């Protein structure tokens, strides 16, 4: 909150956040994340000119001692680097105090995922349940799971889809991702069949004031990401691996890489700005191969 910072420091931080919102097209939630990283560093400063490398290092050391996750430390260091560089570029500081800052990058940990067989089993069971029920709710739940796994899109992107974003003839979605960037993502026949079934019964949940959303909640409004998360947890828990929508995204991306998809194609499908972000899936695949070798080979 503003009262946490000295007025002059708060003004500089506000200008920085306005800059990155406009120059990078960031969502408010992302800008709020930058603010959350920077406020603890700037709290207690009487003026922005007192910010130096020693203070930055001491702040990060305190976070580390408090048990902050490696990924959280890396994200905070990125926010601080951007802020320091911006202050120097705009003459607010005589030099960038974070120019010599080093911090650990996020560890490439193996995210929990479904195997291809588990995904097929879970989706097959859900398709059977939707067919037997004949109700719109199970048909919609099938679309949630099928599209998340078929396309590896984010749950917020899924819930943001409108009817006009779906081309069943070409089997593609027009997805609006971070920074309002749009990309076209293909999906397969199983997901297309699920969408077709759902659209046939969508009108049973729609109301006169319903939005043109592809997916509707039980009250006729746009499906909330929280409800989509509950659907995914329920579907995946039946396999013995309880995943969030992000875990299903990890599963899809890993299966694409393991199936031989080009990494830049996977980058485009996932909506990653940087190829480096997508490269975690090469690490994941190699780690899984190494683990399989260790377990199976008599001299591993």
C-alpha atoms as a PDB file:
ATOM      1  CA  UNK A   1       0.000   0.000   0.000  1.00  0.00           C
ATOM      2  CA  UNK A   2       1.071   3.597  -0.589  1.00  0.00           C
ATOM      3  CA  UNK A   3       1.543   4.312   3.156  1.00  0.00           C
ATOM      4  CA  UNK A   4       4.277   1.669   3.298  1.00  0.00           C
ATOM      5  CA  UNK A   5       6.625   3.903   1.287  1.00  0.00           C
ATOM      6  CA  UNK A   6       7.904   7.439   1.528  1.00  0.00           C
ATOM      7  CA  UNK A   7       5.917   9.703  -0.834  1.00  0.00           C
ATOM      8  CA  UNK A   8       8.841  10.308  -3.191  1.00  0.00           C
ATOM      9  CA  UNK A   9       9.700   6.614  -3.339  1.00  0.00           C
ATOM     10  CA  UNK A  10       6.059   5.720  -3.928  1.00  0.00           C
ATOM     11  CA  UNK A  11       5.913   8.224  -6.799  1.00  0.00           C
ATOM     12  CA  UNK A  12       8.970   6.695  -8.493  1.00  0.00           C
ATOM     13  CA  UNK A  13       7.591   3.186  -8.097  1.00  0.00           C
ATOM     14  CA  UNK A  14       4.251   4.308  -9.538  1.00  0.00           C
ATOM     15  CA  UNK A  15       5.976   5.822 -12.566  1.00  0.00           C
ATOM     16  CA  UNK A  16       7.944   2.604 -13.112  1.00  0.00           C
ATOM     17  CA  UNK A  17       4.807   0.455 -12.952  1.00  0.00           C
ATOM     18  CA  UNK A  18       3.015   2.779 -15.382  1.00  0.00           C
ATOM     19  CA  UNK A  19       5.978   2.449 -17.740  1.00  0.00           C
ATOM     20  CA  UNK A  20       6.046  -1.353 -17.769  1.00  0.00           C
ATOM     21  CA  UNK A  21       2.259  -1.550 -18.125  1.00  0.00           C
ATOM     22  CA  UNK A  22       2.390   0.601 -21.256  1.00  0.00           C
ATOM     23  CA  UNK A  23       5.662  -0.597 -22.799  1.00  0.00           C
ATOM     24  CA  UNK A  24       5.070  -4.307 -22.189  1.00  0.00           C
ATOM     25  CA  UNK A  25       1.278  -4.436 -22.289  1.00  0.00           C
ATOM     26  CA  UNK A  26       1.191  -6.149 -18.902  1.00  0.00           C
ATOM     27  CA  UNK A  27      -2.005  -7.135 -17.157  1.00  0.00           C
ATOM     28  CA  UNK A  28      -2.784  -5.466 -13.825  1.00  0.00           C
ATOM     29  CA  UNK A  29      -2.127  -8.735 -12.006  1.00  0.00           C
ATOM     30  CA  UNK A  30       1.372  -8.959 -13.489  1.00  0.00           C
ATOM     31  CA  UNK A  31       2.147  -5.338 -12.604  1.00  0.00           C
ATOM     32  CA  UNK A  32       0.914  -6.059  -9.076  1.00  0.00           C
ATOM     33  CA  UNK A  33       3.462  -8.880  -8.904  1.00  0.00           C
ATOM     34  CA  UNK A  34       6.284  -6.436  -9.721  1.00  0.00           C
ATOM     35  CA  UNK A  35       5.011  -4.117  -7.019  1.00  0.00           C
ATOM     36  CA  UNK A  36       4.868  -6.940  -4.474  1.00  0.00           C
ATOM     37  CA  UNK A  37       8.508  -7.763  -5.264  1.00  0.00           C
ATOM     38  CA  UNK A  38       9.698  -4.161  -4.970  1.00  0.00           C
ATOM     39  CA  UNK A  39       7.788  -2.727  -1.990  1.00  0.00           C
ATOM     40  CA  UNK A  40       9.668  -4.788   0.652  1.00  0.00           C
ATOM     41  CA  UNK A  41      12.969  -3.615  -0.860  1.00  0.00           C
ATOM     42  CA  UNK A  42      11.957   0.053  -0.931  1.00  0.00           C
ATOM     43  CA  UNK A  43      10.198   0.146   2.429  1.00  0.00           C
ATOM     44  CA  UNK A  44      12.170   2.283   4.891  1.00  0.00           C
ATOM     45  CA  UNK A  45      13.931   4.366   2.227  1.00  0.00           C
ATOM     46  CA  UNK A  46      13.595   8.115   2.754  1.00  0.00           C
ATOM     47  CA  UNK A  47      14.537   8.750  -0.852  1.00  0.00           C
ATOM     48  CA  UNK A  48      15.130   6.602  -3.895  1.00  0.00           C
ATOM     49  CA  UNK A  49      18.740   7.818  -4.097  1.00  0.00           C
ATOM     50  CA  UNK A  50      19.583   5.640  -1.076  1.00  0.00           C
ATOM     51  CA  UNK A  51      18.966   2.464  -3.053  1.00  0.00           C
ATOM     52  CA  UNK A  52      22.271   0.685  -3.677  1.00  0.00           C
ATOM     53  CA  UNK A  53      23.640  -2.801  -4.324  1.00  0.00           C
ATOM     54  CA  UNK A  54      24.390  -3.420  -0.640  1.00  0.00           C
ATOM     55  CA  UNK A  55      20.769  -2.791   0.308  1.00  0.00           C
ATOM     56  CA  UNK A  56      19.537  -5.014  -2.542  1.00  0.00           C
ATOM     57  CA  UNK A  57      21.817  -7.882  -1.526  1.00  0.00           C
ATOM     58  CA  UNK A  58      20.816  -7.553   2.128  1.00  0.00           C
ATOM     59  CA  UNK A  59      17.144  -7.634   1.158  1.00  0.00           C
ATOM     60  CA  UNK A  60      17.571 -10.790  -0.941  1.00  0.00           C
ATOM     61  CA  UNK A  61      19.641 -12.411   1.817  1.00  0.00           C
ATOM     62  CA  UNK A  62      16.803 -11.816   4.295  1.00  0.00           C
ATOM     63  CA  UNK A  63      14.328 -13.384   1.889  1.00  0.00           C
ATOM     64  CA  UNK A  64      16.575 -16.393   1.442  1.00  0.00           C
ATOM     65  CA  UNK A  65      17.008 -16.788   5.221  1.00  0.00           C
ATOM     66  CA  UNK A  66      13.230 -16.626   5.613  1.00  0.00           C
ATOM     67  CA  UNK A  67      12.890 -19.660   3.342  1.00  0.00           C
ATOM     68  CA  UNK A  68      11.771 -18.001   0.092  1.00  0.00           C
ATOM     69  CA  UNK A  69      11.553 -20.457  -2.794  1.00  0.00           C
ATOM     70  CA  UNK A  70      14.273 -20.384  -5.446  1.00  0.00           C
ATOM     71  CA  UNK A  71      11.742 -19.417  -8.116  1.00  0.00           C
ATOM     72  CA  UNK A  72      10.438 -16.587  -5.909  1.00  0.00           C
ATOM     73  CA  UNK A  73      13.986 -15.293  -5.382  1.00  0.00           C
ATOM     74  CA  UNK A  74      14.672 -15.380  -9.123  1.00  0.00           C
ATOM     75  CA  UNK A  75      11.454 -13.492  -9.882  1.00  0.00           C
ATOM     76  CA  UNK A  76      12.241 -10.828  -7.254  1.00  0.00           C
ATOM     77  CA  UNK A  77      15.749 -10.383  -8.674  1.00  0.00           C
ATOM     78  CA  UNK A  78      14.275  -9.898 -12.149  1.00  0.00           C
ATOM     79  CA  UNK A  79      11.893  -7.213 -10.846  1.00  0.00           C
ATOM     80  CA  UNK A  80      14.754  -5.435  -9.069  1.00  0.00           C
ATOM     81  CA  UNK A  81      16.972  -5.528 -12.163  1.00  0.00           C
ATOM     82  CA  UNK A  82      14.227  -3.995 -14.303  1.00  0.00           C
ATOM     83  CA  UNK A  83      13.568  -1.294 -11.723  1.00  0.00           C
ATOM     84  CA  UNK A  84      17.252  -0.448 -11.253  1.00  0.00           C
ATOM     85  CA  UNK A  85      17.882  -0.228 -15.001  1.00  0.00           C
ATOM     86  CA  UNK A  86      14.807   1.976 -15.506  1.00  0.00           C
ATOM     87  CA  UNK A  87      15.875   4.337 -12.696  1.00  0.00           C
ATOM     88  CA  UNK A  88      19.331   4.711 -14.242  1.00  0.00           C
ATOM     89  CA  UNK A  89      18.005   5.176 -17.788  1.00  0.00           C
ATOM     90  CA  UNK A  90      15.678   7.943 -16.620  1.00  0.00           C
ATOM     91  CA  UNK A  91      18.251   9.789 -14.506  1.00  0.00           C
ATOM     92  CA  UNK A  92      16.519   8.960 -11.226  1.00  0.00           C
ATOM     93  CA  UNK A  93      19.703   7.200 -10.046  1.00  0.00           C
ATOM     94  CA  UNK A  94      23.223   8.029 -11.250  1.00  0.00           C
ATOM     95  CA  UNK A  95      23.910   4.359 -12.010  1.00  0.00           C
ATOM     96  CA  UNK A  96      22.051   1.062 -12.039  1.00  0.00           C
ATOM     97  CA  UNK A  97      22.440  -0.392  -8.516  1.00  0.00           C
ATOM     98  CA  UNK A  98      21.377  -3.851  -9.706  1.00  0.00           C
ATOM     99  CA  UNK A  99      23.777  -4.074 -12.661  1.00  0.00           C
ATOM    100  CA  UNK A 100      26.114  -6.440 -10.762  1.00  0.00           C
ATOM    101  CA  UNK A 101      23.335  -8.343  -9.033  1.00  0.00           C
ATOM    102  CA  UNK A 102      23.474 -12.113  -9.334  1.00  0.00           C
ATOM    103  CA  UNK A 103      20.746 -14.437  -8.173  1.00  0.00           C
ATOM    104  CA  UNK A 104      19.934 -18.091  -8.657  1.00  0.00           C
ATOM    105  CA  UNK A 105      17.739 -18.960 -11.601  1.00  0.00           C
ATOM    106  CA  UNK A 106      14.735 -21.172 -11.051  1.00  0.00           C
ATOM    107  CA  UNK A 107      15.647 -24.832 -10.606  1.00  0.00           C
ATOM    108  CA  UNK A 108      14.317 -27.071 -13.363  1.00  0.00           C
ATOM    109  CA  UNK A 109      12.301 -29.326 -11.109  1.00  0.00           C
ATOM    110  CA  UNK A 110      10.261 -32.140 -12.534  1.00  0.00           C
ATOM    111  CA  UNK A 111       6.619 -31.006 -12.463  1.00  0.00           C
ATOM    112  CA  UNK A 112       4.122 -33.729 -11.697  1.00  0.00           C
ATOM    113  CA  UNK A 113       2.244 -34.714 -14.841  1.00  0.00           C
ATOM    114  CA  UNK A 114      -0.072 -37.369 -16.184  1.00  0.00           C
ATOM    115  CA  UNK A 115       1.384 -40.049 -18.404  1.00  0.00           C
ATOM    116  CA  UNK A 116      -0.142 -40.284 -21.861  1.00  0.00           C
ATOM    117  CA  UNK A 117      -1.928 -43.451 -20.744  1.00  0.00           C
ATOM    118  CA  UNK A 118      -3.346 -41.770 -17.628  1.00  0.00           C
ATOM    119  CA  UNK A 119      -4.552 -38.818 -19.689  1.00  0.00           C
ATOM    120  CA  UNK A 120      -6.277 -41.156 -22.164  1.00  0.00           C
ATOM    121  CA  UNK A 121      -7.921 -43.108 -19.351  1.00  0.00           C
ATOM    122  CA  UNK A 122      -9.151 -39.993 -17.535  1.00  0.00           C
ATOM    123  CA  UNK A 123     -10.514 -38.343 -20.678  1.00  0.00           C
ATOM    124  CA  UNK A 124     -12.100 -41.578 -21.878  1.00  0.00           C
ATOM    125  CA  UNK A 125     -13.926 -42.017 -18.571  1.00  0.00           C
ATOM    126  CA  UNK A 126     -15.104 -38.408 -18.675  1.00  0.00           C
ATOM    127  CA  UNK A 127     -16.363 -38.812 -22.259  1.00  0.00           C
ATOM    128  CA  UNK A 128     -18.320 -41.906 -21.258  1.00  0.00           C
ATOM    129  CA  UNK A 129     -19.852 -40.094 -18.300  1.00  0.00           C
ATOM    130  CA  UNK A 130     -20.854 -37.136 -20.498  1.00  0.00           C
ATOM    131  CA  UNK A 131     -22.475 -39.430 -23.072  1.00  0.00           C
ATOM    132  CA  UNK A 132     -24.389 -41.385 -20.453  1.00  0.00           C
ATOM    133  CA  UNK A 133     -25.546 -38.294 -18.566  1.00  0.00           C
ATOM    134  CA  UNK A 134     -26.901 -36.287 -21.482  1.00  0.00           C
ATOM    135  CA  UNK A 135     -26.728 -33.185 -19.237  1.00  0.00           C
ATOM    136  CA  UNK A 136     -24.855 -30.009 -20.262  1.00  0.00           C
ATOM    137  CA  UNK A 137     -22.665 -29.924 -17.129  1.00  0.00           C
ATOM    138  CA  UNK A 138     -20.719 -33.138 -17.807  1.00  0.00           C
ATOM    139  CA  UNK A 139     -20.426 -32.205 -21.493  1.00  0.00           C
ATOM    140  CA  UNK A 140     -18.897 -28.850 -20.517  1.00  0.00           C
ATOM    141  CA  UNK A 141     -16.533 -30.516 -18.034  1.00  0.00           C
ATOM    142  CA  UNK A 142     -15.321 -32.780 -20.826  1.00  0.00           C
ATOM    143  CA  UNK A 143     -14.569 -29.743 -23.007  1.00  0.00           C
ATOM    144  CA  UNK A 144     -12.581 -28.152 -20.157  1.00  0.00           C
ATOM    145  CA  UNK A 145     -10.363 -31.205 -19.770  1.00  0.00           C
ATOM    146  CA  UNK A 146     -10.089 -32.045 -23.477  1.00  0.00           C
ATOM    147  CA  UNK A 147      -9.168 -28.527 -24.598  1.00  0.00           C
ATOM    148  CA  UNK A 148      -6.677 -27.932 -21.780  1.00  0.00           C
ATOM    149  CA  UNK A 149      -4.888 -31.164 -22.614  1.00  0.00           C
ATOM    150  CA  UNK A 150      -5.255 -30.873 -26.404  1.00  0.00           C
ATOM    151  CA  UNK A 151      -3.956 -27.295 -26.625  1.00  0.00           C
ATOM    152  CA  UNK A 152      -1.860 -26.714 -23.458  1.00  0.00           C
ATOM    153  CA  UNK A 153      -3.475 -23.294 -23.052  1.00  0.00           C
ATOM    154  CA  UNK A 154      -3.795 -21.607 -19.657  1.00  0.00           C
ATOM    155  CA  UNK A 155      -7.005 -21.956 -17.673  1.00  0.00           C
ATOM    156  CA  UNK A 156      -7.616 -18.188 -17.881  1.00  0.00           C
ATOM    157  CA  UNK A 157      -7.214 -18.356 -21.649  1.00  0.00           C
ATOM    158  CA  UNK A 158      -9.683 -21.235 -21.820  1.00  0.00           C
ATOM    159  CA  UNK A 159     -12.311 -19.403 -19.784  1.00  0.00           C
ATOM    160  CA  UNK A 160     -11.775 -16.274 -21.885  1.00  0.00           C
ATOM    161  CA  UNK A 161     -12.684 -18.010 -25.145  1.00  0.00           C
ATOM    162  CA  UNK A 162     -15.782 -16.762 -26.966  1.00  0.00           C
ATOM    163  CA  UNK A 163     -17.852 -18.753 -29.431  1.00  0.00           C
ATOM    164  CA  UNK A 164     -16.291 -16.858 -32.312  1.00  0.00           C
ATOM    165  CA  UNK A 165     -12.808 -17.947 -31.219  1.00  0.00           C
ATOM    166  CA  UNK A 166     -13.527 -21.579 -32.136  1.00  0.00           C
ATOM    167  CA  UNK A 167     -13.268 -22.863 -35.705  1.00  0.00           C
ATOM    168  CA  UNK A 168     -14.516 -26.443 -35.720  1.00  0.00           C
ATOM    169  CA  UNK A 169     -13.899 -26.869 -39.436  1.00  0.00           C
ATOM    170  CA  UNK A 170     -10.206 -26.069 -39.095  1.00  0.00           C
ATOM    171  CA  UNK A 171     -10.073 -27.326 -35.493  1.00  0.00           C
ATOM    172  CA  UNK A 172      -8.351 -24.197 -34.200  1.00  0.00           C
ATOM    173  CA  UNK A 173      -8.764 -21.718 -31.352  1.00  0.00           C
ATOM    174  CA  UNK A 174      -7.880 -18.027 -31.376  1.00  0.00           C
ATOM    175  CA  UNK A 175      -6.420 -17.594 -27.903  1.00  0.00           C
ATOM    176  CA  UNK A 176      -5.794 -14.237 -26.199  1.00  0.00           C
ATOM    177  CA  UNK A 177      -2.817 -14.630 -23.882  1.00  0.00           C
ATOM    178  CA  UNK A 178      -0.674 -12.428 -21.682  1.00  0.00           C
ATOM    179  CA  UNK A 179      -0.362  -8.846 -22.849  1.00  0.00           C
ATOM    180  CA  UNK A 180      -3.463  -9.347 -25.027  1.00  0.00           C
ATOM    181  CA  UNK A 181      -1.322 -11.191 -27.579  1.00  0.00           C
ATOM    182  CA  UNK A 182      -3.338 -13.519 -29.792  1.00  0.00           C
ATOM    183  CA  UNK A 183      -2.217 -16.852 -31.190  1.00  0.00           C
ATOM    184  CA  UNK A 184      -3.891 -19.646 -33.117  1.00  0.00           C
ATOM    185  CA  UNK A 185      -3.771 -23.071 -31.483  1.00  0.00           C
ATOM    186  CA  UNK A 186      -4.896 -26.348 -33.110  1.00  0.00           C
ATOM    187  CA  UNK A 187      -6.766 -29.169 -31.410  1.00  0.00           C
ATOM    188  CA  UNK A 188      -7.569 -32.731 -32.389  1.00  0.00           C
ATOM    189  CA  UNK A 189     -10.690 -34.706 -33.257  1.00  0.00           C
ATOM    190  CA  UNK A 190     -11.399 -35.840 -29.678  1.00  0.00           C
ATOM    191  CA  UNK A 191     -11.535 -32.256 -28.447  1.00  0.00           C
ATOM    192  CA  UNK A 192     -13.586 -31.260 -31.520  1.00  0.00           C
ATOM    193  CA  UNK A 193     -16.132 -33.989 -30.734  1.00  0.00           C
ATOM    194  CA  UNK A 194     -16.346 -32.780 -27.140  1.00  0.00           C
ATOM    195  CA  UNK A 195     -16.909 -29.175 -28.237  1.00  0.00           C
ATOM    196  CA  UNK A 196     -19.578 -30.250 -30.732  1.00  0.00           C
ATOM    197  CA  UNK A 197     -21.436 -32.221 -28.047  1.00  0.00           C
ATOM    198  CA  UNK A 198     -21.251 -29.292 -25.639  1.00  0.00           C
ATOM    199  CA  UNK A 199     -22.472 -26.728 -28.182  1.00  0.00           C
ATOM    200  CA  UNK A 200     -25.531 -28.897 -28.870  1.00  0.00           C
ATOM    201  CA  UNK A 201     -26.546 -28.534 -25.221  1.00  0.00           C
ATOM    202  CA  UNK A 202     -25.046 -25.143 -24.345  1.00  0.00           C
ATOM    203  CA  UNK A 203     -28.417 -23.440 -24.736  1.00  0.00           C
ATOM    204  CA  UNK A 204     -29.689 -25.339 -21.697  1.00  0.00           C
ATOM    205  CA  UNK A 205     -27.325 -23.334 -19.480  1.00  0.00           C
ATOM    206  CA  UNK A 206     -27.506 -20.075 -21.460  1.00  0.00           C
ATOM    207  CA  UNK A 207     -29.747 -17.224 -20.330  1.00  0.00           C
ATOM    208  CA  UNK A 208     -30.890 -14.096 -22.177  1.00  0.00           C
ATOM    209  CA  UNK A 209     -28.069 -12.113 -20.575  1.00  0.00           C
ATOM    210  CA  UNK A 210     -25.388 -14.791 -20.967  1.00  0.00           C
ATOM    211  CA  UNK A 211     -22.122 -13.618 -22.569  1.00  0.00           C
ATOM    212  CA  UNK A 212     -20.918 -15.096 -25.887  1.00  0.00           C
ATOM    213  CA  UNK A 213     -18.494 -17.280 -23.907  1.00  0.00           C
ATOM    214  CA  UNK A 214     -17.674 -20.726 -25.223  1.00  0.00           C
ATOM    215  CA  UNK A 215     -17.969 -22.167 -21.714  1.00  0.00           C
ATOM    216  CA  UNK A 216     -20.742 -21.241 -19.311  1.00  0.00           C
ATOM    217  CA  UNK A 217     -21.062 -21.846 -15.604  1.00  0.00           C
ATOM    218  CA  UNK A 218     -24.077 -23.446 -13.995  1.00  0.00           C
ATOM    219  CA  UNK A 219     -25.804 -20.038 -13.667  1.00  0.00           C
ATOM    220  CA  UNK A 220     -25.302 -19.036 -17.269  1.00  0.00           C
ATOM    221  CA  UNK A 221     -22.326 -16.712 -16.814  1.00  0.00           C
ATOM    222  CA  UNK A 222     -18.848 -17.172 -18.205  1.00  0.00           C
ATOM    223  CA  UNK A 223     -17.163 -20.185 -16.624  1.00  0.00           C
ATOM    224  CA  UNK A 224     -14.966 -19.049 -13.752  1.00  0.00           C
ATOM    225  CA  UNK A 225     -11.346 -20.305 -13.704  1.00  0.00           C
ATOM    226  CA  UNK A 226     -11.904 -21.525 -10.141  1.00  0.00           C
ATOM    227  CA  UNK A 227     -14.664 -23.834 -11.320  1.00  0.00           C
ATOM    228  CA  UNK A 228     -12.458 -25.038 -14.177  1.00  0.00           C
ATOM    229  CA  UNK A 229      -9.731 -25.833 -11.643  1.00  0.00           C
ATOM    230  CA  UNK A 230     -12.149 -27.884  -9.559  1.00  0.00           C
ATOM    231  CA  UNK A 231     -13.150 -29.823 -12.687  1.00  0.00           C
ATOM    232  CA  UNK A 232      -9.518 -30.624 -13.529  1.00  0.00           C
ATOM    233  CA  UNK A 233      -8.693 -31.657  -9.972  1.00  0.00           C
ATOM    234  CA  UNK A 234     -11.671 -34.022  -9.944  1.00  0.00           C
ATOM    235  CA  UNK A 235     -10.855 -35.536 -13.333  1.00  0.00           C
ATOM    236  CA  UNK A 236      -7.144 -36.056 -12.696  1.00  0.00           C
ATOM    237  CA  UNK A 237      -7.567 -37.270  -9.113  1.00  0.00           C
ATOM    238  CA  UNK A 238      -9.336 -40.324 -10.509  1.00  0.00           C
ATOM    239  CA  UNK A 239      -5.998 -41.372 -12.052  1.00  0.00           C
ATOM    240  CA  UNK A 240      -4.185 -41.104  -8.726  1.00  0.00           C
ATOM    241  CA  UNK A 241      -2.367 -37.916  -9.823  1.00  0.00           C
ATOM    242  CA  UNK A 242      -4.272 -34.848  -8.616  1.00  0.00           C
ATOM    243  CA  UNK A 243      -3.315 -31.999 -10.966  1.00  0.00           C
ATOM    244  CA  UNK A 244      -4.258 -28.382 -11.429  1.00  0.00           C
ATOM    245  CA  UNK A 245      -4.929 -26.965 -14.926  1.00  0.00           C
ATOM    246  CA  UNK A 246      -1.285 -25.876 -14.958  1.00  0.00           C
ATOM    247  CA  UNK A 247      -0.297 -29.497 -14.348  1.00  0.00           C
ATOM    248  CA  UNK A 248      -2.415 -30.520 -17.310  1.00  0.00           C
ATOM    249  CA  UNK A 249      -0.644 -27.839 -19.374  1.00  0.00           C
ATOM    250  CA  UNK A 250       2.701 -29.290 -18.238  1.00  0.00           C
ATOM    251  CA  UNK A 251       1.492 -32.741 -19.226  1.00  0.00           C
ATOM    252  CA  UNK A 252       0.482 -31.652 -22.715  1.00  0.00           C
ATOM    253  CA  UNK A 253       3.704 -29.724 -23.337  1.00  0.00           C
ATOM    254  CA  UNK A 254       5.867 -32.590 -22.095  1.00  0.00           C
ATOM    255  CA  UNK A 255       4.041 -35.084 -24.284  1.00  0.00           C
ATOM    256  CA  UNK A 256       4.513 -32.796 -27.293  1.00  0.00           C
ATOM    257  CA  UNK A 257       8.269 -32.578 -26.728  1.00  0.00           C
ATOM    258  CA  UNK A 258       8.580 -36.295 -26.023  1.00  0.00           C
ATOM    259  CA  UNK A 259       6.641 -36.936 -29.225  1.00  0.00           C
ATOM    260  CA  UNK A 260       9.197 -35.011 -31.264  1.00  0.00           C
ATOM    261  CA  UNK A 261       7.551 -31.585 -31.617  1.00  0.00           C
ATOM    262  CA  UNK A 262       9.941 -28.766 -32.490  1.00  0.00           C
ATOM    263  CA  UNK A 263      10.634 -26.609 -29.433  1.00  0.00           C
ATOM    264  CA  UNK A 264       9.777 -23.383 -31.255  1.00  0.00           C
ATOM    265  CA  UNK A 265       6.418 -24.835 -32.251  1.00  0.00           C
ATOM    266  CA  UNK A 266       5.774 -25.716 -28.607  1.00  0.00           C
ATOM    267  CA  UNK A 267       6.818 -22.177 -27.641  1.00  0.00           C
ATOM    268  CA  UNK A 268       4.215 -20.738 -30.015  1.00  0.00           C
ATOM    269  CA  UNK A 269       1.500 -23.107 -28.789  1.00  0.00           C
ATOM    270  CA  UNK A 270       2.180 -22.241 -25.149  1.00  0.00           C
ATOM    271  CA  UNK A 271       2.370 -18.509 -25.793  1.00  0.00           C
ATOM    272  CA  UNK A 272       5.837 -18.123 -24.264  1.00  0.00           C
ATOM    273  CA  UNK A 273       7.718 -14.937 -25.160  1.00  0.00           C
ATOM    274  CA  UNK A 274      11.077 -16.582 -24.610  1.00  0.00           C
ATOM    275  CA  UNK A 275      12.298 -19.915 -25.911  1.00  0.00           C
ATOM    276  CA  UNK A 276      14.198 -20.236 -22.648  1.00  0.00           C
ATOM    277  CA  UNK A 277      10.908 -20.581 -20.784  1.00  0.00           C
ATOM    278  CA  UNK A 278       9.883 -23.443 -23.044  1.00  0.00           C
ATOM    279  CA  UNK A 279      13.220 -25.215 -22.658  1.00  0.00           C
ATOM    280  CA  UNK A 280      12.197 -26.578 -19.263  1.00  0.00           C
ATOM    281  CA  UNK A 281      10.355 -29.273 -21.214  1.00  0.00           C
ATOM    282  CA  UNK A 282      13.588 -30.479 -22.780  1.00  0.00           C
ATOM    283  CA  UNK A 283      15.039 -30.765 -19.274  1.00  0.00           C
ATOM    284  CA  UNK A 284      11.925 -32.570 -18.111  1.00  0.00           C
ATOM    285  CA  UNK A 285      12.092 -35.036 -20.989  1.00  0.00           C
ATOM    286  CA  UNK A 286      15.814 -35.731 -20.486  1.00  0.00           C
ATOM    287  CA  UNK A 287      15.298 -36.161 -16.745  1.00  0.00           C
ATOM    288  CA  UNK A 288      12.490 -38.627 -17.353  1.00  0.00           C
ATOM    289  CA  UNK A 289      14.626 -40.530 -19.837  1.00  0.00           C
ATOM    290  CA  UNK A 290      17.487 -40.654 -17.333  1.00  0.00           C
ATOM    291  CA  UNK A 291      15.181 -41.855 -14.565  1.00  0.00           C
ATOM    292  CA  UNK A 292      13.707 -44.562 -16.808  1.00  0.00           C
ATOM    293  CA  UNK A 293      17.236 -45.668 -17.706  1.00  0.00           C
ATOM    294  CA  UNK A 294      18.283 -45.741 -14.049  1.00  0.00           C
ATOM    295  CA  UNK A 295      15.338 -47.921 -13.116  1.00  0.00           C
ATOM    296  CA  UNK A 296      15.514 -50.293 -16.068  1.00  0.00           C
ATOM    297  CA  UNK A 297      19.186 -50.802 -16.937  1.00  0.00           C
ATOM    298  CA  UNK A 298      21.079 -53.358 -14.859  1.00  0.00           C
ATOM    299  CA  UNK A 299      24.270 -51.275 -14.894  1.00  0.00           C
ATOM    300  CA  UNK A 300      22.732 -47.821 -14.592  1.00  0.00           C
END
